[in-house]
Amino acid sequence: MKSFKRIIALFAAVCIMLAVMPVCFAQEGEKTEMKEYGFVDCGDAKIEYGVYGNLEGEALLLLPPNGGDMHSLDNTILPEMSKHFKVITVSPRGTGNSDWVEGTMNFETFADDVAKVLDYLGVEKTHIFGFSDGGNLGFVFTLKYQSRVLSLTVMGSNINTLGTNTFDQIQITYQYLVLCIEAWIKGDRETKIRRDIKGMMVGQPSLTFKDIAEIKVPFFNIYGEHDMIQRWHSKKITKSIEGAKELMVIGGGHSTCFEQTDTVIMPALLEFYGIGA
């Protein structure tokens, strides 16, 4: 009797696996073809990059979140955007296969790295989409190299740490302090990299609303209804930039906004870029 029950249970498990597997594969989908891959020498560090999509189209630079690399947006923004743009992805210092140089983990240096990548690829002007810290980098890059920016879209981004929910910022700071102690005790490279990456969320960026009022390119601000970025901060970002558009993803958190990529985010992005259905 027990053996029979085991057989039934095994049969049921196999049926469930067979039913779920197609769904899993369907969600992952086919990988977007990479047209070019390489590294750009930025003096003290080599930065990893990839190029996708329409090589004759306008450029769209995708900037990943804190600790993310050139593949962070592969299954969200990249597939559809590569149908319309020459999409460029990068791995910031300390992520992916890019170099890490102690003491250089800041948005100003990252912005200079991005400019060198664009120079290497012969891209004079680009649209920018940045998620979380990627959007923060987008702000810094645009203020520093505004003549090279066609438009800026940020999602779940802040211009200073006052914009982060207090509980989240306390947790981030605590994690950073723990990593500082761990790096001091161990002294190993990997722990130092994790410390520096987390440290970018402590005190960076340090922009003001007056600073970002200098942004004169088309601007789109996306954030979640329950984002870790405080709503008043997100709304003031939008109000600070002339002609800015915004989208609050109802029910969305921070990264969970991407659960509504196909239904909410992508249609809004295509409209913002003036791309018809």
Protein backbone atom coordinates (compact mmCIF):
# COMPACT_ATOMS: atom_id res chain seq x y z
CA MET A 1 0.00 0.00 0.00
CA LYS A 2 2.83 2.38 0.93
CA SER A 3 4.62 1.58 -2.33
CA PHE A 4 1.46 2.32 -4.29
CA LYS A 5 1.09 5.69 -2.54
CA ARG A 6 4.71 6.52 -3.35
CA ILE A 7 4.11 5.70 -7.03
CA ILE A 8 1.01 7.92 -7.09
CA ALA A 9 2.92 10.76 -5.39
CA LEU A 10 5.82 10.43 -7.84
CA PHE A 11 3.42 10.40 -10.80
CA ALA A 12 1.72 13.55 -9.49
CA ALA A 13 5.07 15.30 -9.02
CA VAL A 14 6.13 14.47 -12.58
CA CYS A 15 2.81 15.79 -13.92
CA ILE A 16 3.28 19.06 -12.02
CA MET A 17 6.84 19.43 -13.32
CA LEU A 18 5.73 18.84 -16.90
CA ALA A 19 2.96 21.40 -16.49
CA VAL A 20 5.23 24.05 -14.96
CA MET A 21 8.27 23.64 -17.22
CA PRO A 22 6.71 25.20 -20.36
CA VAL A 23 5.63 28.20 -18.29
CA CYS A 24 9.15 28.66 -16.91
CA PHE A 25 10.70 28.47 -20.34
CA ALA A 26 8.10 30.80 -21.77
CA GLN A 27 8.88 33.41 -19.12
CA GLU A 28 12.61 33.25 -19.76
CA GLY A 29 12.20 33.50 -23.55
CA GLU A 30 14.95 33.63 -26.14
CA LYS A 31 18.09 35.62 -25.45
CA THR A 32 18.56 38.85 -27.40
CA GLU A 33 21.45 38.56 -29.85
CA MET A 34 24.56 40.49 -28.88
CA LYS A 35 26.08 42.27 -31.90
CA GLU A 36 29.31 43.40 -30.24
CA TYR A 37 31.14 42.70 -27.01
CA GLY A 38 34.35 43.97 -25.53
CA PHE A 39 36.20 46.19 -23.09
CA VAL A 40 37.10 49.87 -23.12
CA ASP A 41 40.32 51.05 -21.51
CA CYS A 42 39.38 53.94 -19.23
CA GLY A 43 42.91 54.53 -18.02
CA ASP A 44 42.93 52.83 -14.65
CA ALA A 45 40.17 50.31 -15.41
CA LYS A 46 38.75 48.29 -18.30
CA ILE A 47 34.97 48.51 -18.62
CA GLU A 48 32.86 45.70 -20.10
CA TYR A 49 30.20 46.56 -22.68
CA GLY A 50 27.75 44.92 -25.07
CA VAL A 51 25.84 46.19 -28.11
CA TYR A 52 22.45 44.87 -29.25
CA GLY A 53 19.64 45.62 -31.66
CA ASN A 54 19.40 48.02 -34.58
CA LEU A 55 22.96 49.17 -35.26
CA GLU A 56 21.66 51.94 -37.55
CA GLY A 57 19.18 53.28 -35.00
CA GLU A 58 19.58 55.89 -32.29
CA ALA A 59 21.60 54.73 -29.30
CA LEU A 60 19.98 53.75 -26.00
CA LEU A 61 22.27 53.24 -23.02
CA LEU A 62 20.98 50.90 -20.30
CA LEU A 63 22.44 51.50 -16.82
CA PRO A 64 22.03 48.74 -14.20
CA PRO A 65 21.18 48.98 -10.47
CA ASN A 66 23.63 48.87 -7.57
CA GLY A 67 25.80 45.77 -7.97
CA GLY A 68 24.22 44.97 -11.33
CA ASP A 69 26.08 44.44 -14.59
CA MET A 70 25.53 44.63 -18.34
CA HIS A 71 23.03 41.75 -18.20
CA SER A 72 20.79 43.10 -15.42
CA LEU A 73 18.08 44.26 -17.83
CA ASP A 74 18.35 41.34 -20.30
CA ASN A 75 14.90 39.94 -19.52
CA THR A 76 13.02 43.21 -18.96
CA ILE A 77 13.80 46.34 -20.98
CA LEU A 78 16.40 44.99 -23.42
CA PRO A 79 14.39 42.64 -25.68
CA GLU A 80 11.80 45.19 -26.85
CA MET A 81 14.17 48.15 -26.86
CA SER A 82 16.64 46.27 -29.08
CA LYS A 83 13.95 46.21 -31.79
CA HIS A 84 14.05 49.98 -32.02
CA PHE A 85 17.46 51.17 -30.82
CA LYS A 86 21.14 50.45 -30.90
CA VAL A 87 21.22 49.31 -27.28
CA ILE A 88 24.43 49.67 -25.29
CA THR A 89 24.88 47.95 -21.95
CA VAL A 90 27.78 48.35 -19.53
CA SER A 91 29.12 46.73 -16.39
CA PRO A 92 30.19 49.51 -14.00
CA ARG A 93 33.43 49.14 -12.06
CA GLY A 94 33.46 46.20 -9.69
CA THR A 95 30.63 44.37 -11.51
CA GLY A 96 30.53 41.81 -14.29
CA ASN A 97 33.94 41.50 -15.88
CA SER A 98 34.88 45.15 -15.41
CA ASP A 99 37.86 46.10 -13.30
CA TRP A 100 37.62 47.34 -9.73
CA VAL A 101 39.96 50.06 -8.50
CA GLU A 102 39.77 50.93 -4.82
CA GLY A 103 38.85 54.54 -4.18
CA THR A 104 37.16 55.09 -7.56
CA MET A 105 33.64 53.81 -6.82
CA ASN A 106 31.63 56.98 -7.34
CA PHE A 107 29.09 58.24 -9.86
CA GLU A 108 31.39 60.95 -11.24
CA THR A 109 34.03 58.37 -12.20
CA PHE A 110 31.35 56.04 -13.56
CA ALA A 111 30.01 58.90 -15.71
CA ASP A 112 33.48 59.45 -17.18
CA ASP A 113 33.73 55.70 -17.87
CA VAL A 114 30.42 55.79 -19.74
CA ALA A 115 31.60 58.75 -21.81
CA LYS A 116 34.74 56.81 -22.79
CA VAL A 117 32.62 53.79 -23.79
CA LEU A 118 30.47 56.02 -26.01
CA ASP A 119 33.61 57.58 -27.51
CA TYR A 120 35.02 54.14 -28.27
CA LEU A 121 31.79 53.11 -29.99
CA GLY A 122 31.58 56.36 -31.95
CA VAL A 123 28.29 57.34 -30.31
CA GLU A 124 27.92 61.11 -30.08
CA LYS A 125 24.44 61.19 -28.52
CA THR A 126 22.32 58.60 -26.70
CA HIS A 127 19.07 58.04 -24.90
CA ILE A 128 19.53 56.75 -21.34
CA PHE A 129 17.44 54.34 -19.26
CA GLY A 130 18.71 53.76 -15.74
CA PHE A 131 17.21 51.62 -13.01
CA SER A 132 17.83 52.48 -9.33
CA ASP A 133 21.54 53.40 -9.02
CA GLY A 134 21.61 53.28 -12.82
CA GLY A 135 19.17 56.18 -12.83
CA ASN A 136 21.30 57.98 -10.25
CA LEU A 137 24.23 57.57 -12.63
CA GLY A 138 21.96 58.84 -15.41
CA PHE A 139 21.38 62.07 -13.47
CA VAL A 140 25.12 62.59 -12.87
CA PHE A 141 26.05 61.73 -16.46
CA THR A 142 23.39 64.04 -17.91
CA LEU A 143 24.46 66.98 -15.75
CA LYS A 144 28.09 66.42 -16.74
CA TYR A 145 27.59 65.52 -20.42
CA GLN A 146 24.20 66.96 -21.26
CA SER A 147 25.10 67.70 -24.88
CA ARG A 148 25.47 63.93 -25.41
CA VAL A 149 22.03 62.99 -24.02
CA LEU A 150 18.94 62.70 -26.22
CA SER A 151 16.62 61.81 -23.33
CA LEU A 152 16.83 60.49 -19.78
CA THR A 153 14.54 57.90 -18.21
CA VAL A 154 15.05 56.82 -14.61
CA MET A 155 13.19 54.17 -12.64
CA GLY A 156 13.23 53.91 -8.84
CA SER A 157 15.99 56.51 -8.59
CA ASN A 158 16.90 59.24 -6.13
CA ILE A 159 19.14 62.30 -6.26
CA ASN A 160 20.35 61.99 -2.65
CA THR A 161 19.97 59.55 0.24
CA LEU A 162 17.29 61.71 1.89
CA GLY A 163 15.00 60.36 -0.80
CA THR A 164 15.31 56.76 0.39
CA ASN A 165 12.82 55.43 2.92
CA THR A 166 14.34 55.83 6.39
CA PHE A 167 14.13 52.13 7.31
CA ASP A 168 15.74 51.09 4.00
CA GLN A 169 18.53 53.65 4.38
CA ILE A 170 19.27 52.52 7.94
CA GLN A 171 19.45 48.92 6.73
CA ILE A 172 21.75 49.89 3.84
CA THR A 173 24.04 51.84 6.16
CA TYR A 174 24.17 48.96 8.65
CA GLN A 175 25.07 46.48 5.88
CA TYR A 176 27.79 48.84 4.66
CA LEU A 177 29.31 49.20 8.14
CA VAL A 178 29.34 45.42 8.56
CA LEU A 179 31.13 45.08 5.22
CA CYS A 180 33.64 47.76 6.27
CA ILE A 181 34.49 45.77 9.38
CA GLU A 182 34.62 42.49 7.43
CA ALA A 183 36.89 44.04 4.78
CA TRP A 184 39.20 45.43 7.50
CA ILE A 185 39.45 42.03 9.18
CA LYS A 186 39.77 39.88 6.06
CA GLY A 187 41.48 42.33 3.74
CA ASP A 188 40.43 40.28 0.69
CA ARG A 189 39.52 41.78 -2.67
CA GLU A 190 35.99 40.34 -2.98
CA THR A 191 34.86 41.72 0.38
CA LYS A 192 36.32 45.13 -0.48
CA ILE A 193 34.41 45.14 -3.76
CA ARG A 194 31.14 44.30 -2.00
CA ARG A 195 31.90 47.02 0.56
CA ASP A 196 32.52 49.64 -2.12
CA ILE A 197 29.44 48.69 -4.13
CA LYS A 198 27.21 48.92 -1.07
CA GLY A 199 28.96 52.14 -0.09
CA MET A 200 27.68 53.86 -3.21
CA MET A 201 24.25 53.85 -1.56
CA VAL A 202 25.61 55.66 1.50
CA GLY A 203 26.03 59.36 0.78
CA GLN A 204 25.70 59.06 -2.99
CA PRO A 205 24.57 60.76 -5.06
CA SER A 206 24.57 64.18 -3.40
CA LEU A 207 22.55 66.26 -5.84
CA THR A 208 19.90 68.86 -5.06
CA PHE A 209 16.60 69.64 -6.76
CA LYS A 210 18.20 72.88 -7.94
CA ASP A 211 20.95 70.83 -9.60
CA ILE A 212 18.61 68.64 -11.60
CA ALA A 213 16.57 71.69 -12.68
CA GLU A 214 19.47 72.24 -15.10
CA ILE A 215 18.45 69.11 -17.04
CA LYS A 216 16.90 70.31 -20.30
CA VAL A 217 16.51 67.04 -22.21
CA PRO A 218 13.21 65.07 -22.33
CA PHE A 219 12.87 63.35 -18.97
CA PHE A 220 10.70 60.43 -17.80
CA ASN A 221 10.50 59.42 -14.13
CA ILE A 222 9.14 55.93 -13.31
CA TYR A 223 8.66 54.71 -9.75
CA GLY A 224 6.61 52.18 -7.84
CA GLU A 225 3.62 52.91 -5.66
CA HIS A 226 5.47 51.14 -2.84
CA ASP A 227 9.01 52.01 -3.92
CA MET A 228 11.93 52.28 -1.50
CA ILE A 229 12.28 55.83 -2.83
CA GLN A 230 9.93 58.09 -0.94
CA ARG A 231 7.02 59.26 -3.06
CA TRP A 232 7.43 62.93 -2.19
CA HIS A 233 11.03 62.70 -3.40
CA SER A 234 10.05 61.08 -6.70
CA LYS A 235 7.32 63.65 -7.32
CA LYS A 236 9.67 66.54 -6.54
CA ILE A 237 12.19 65.14 -9.00
CA THR A 238 9.51 65.31 -11.70
CA LYS A 239 8.45 68.84 -10.72
CA SER A 240 12.06 70.04 -10.73
CA ILE A 241 12.68 69.26 -14.40
CA GLU A 242 10.82 71.33 -16.96
CA GLY A 243 8.48 69.31 -19.17
CA ALA A 244 9.16 66.06 -17.26
CA LYS A 245 6.77 63.13 -17.44
CA GLU A 246 6.22 60.55 -14.72
CA LEU A 247 4.61 57.16 -14.18
CA MET A 248 3.77 55.64 -10.82
CA VAL A 249 3.42 51.88 -11.27
CA ILE A 250 0.38 50.93 -9.20
CA GLY A 251 1.17 48.04 -6.86
CA GLY A 252 4.84 48.15 -7.79
CA GLY A 253 7.65 48.13 -5.29
CA HIS A 254 11.24 48.83 -6.30
CA SER A 255 12.43 46.04 -8.59
CA THR A 256 8.95 44.43 -8.56
CA CYS A 257 7.82 47.16 -10.96
CA PHE A 258 9.42 44.99 -13.65
CA GLU A 259 6.64 42.45 -13.13
CA GLN A 260 4.54 44.94 -15.10
CA THR A 261 7.10 45.51 -17.87
CA ASP A 262 4.91 44.27 -20.71
CA THR A 263 1.61 45.69 -19.48
CA VAL A 264 2.59 49.06 -18.01
CA ILE A 265 6.25 50.06 -18.35
CA MET A 266 6.90 49.14 -21.98
CA PRO A 267 3.80 50.85 -23.44
CA ALA A 268 4.70 53.99 -21.51
CA LEU A 269 8.32 53.87 -22.71
CA LEU A 270 7.32 53.38 -26.34
CA GLU A 271 4.96 56.36 -26.08
CA PHE A 272 7.70 58.47 -24.48
CA TYR A 273 10.11 57.57 -27.30
CA GLY A 274 7.44 58.27 -29.91
CA ILE A 275 7.36 54.71 -31.19
CA GLY A 276 3.99 53.63 -32.58
CA ALA A 277 2.32 50.27 -31.93
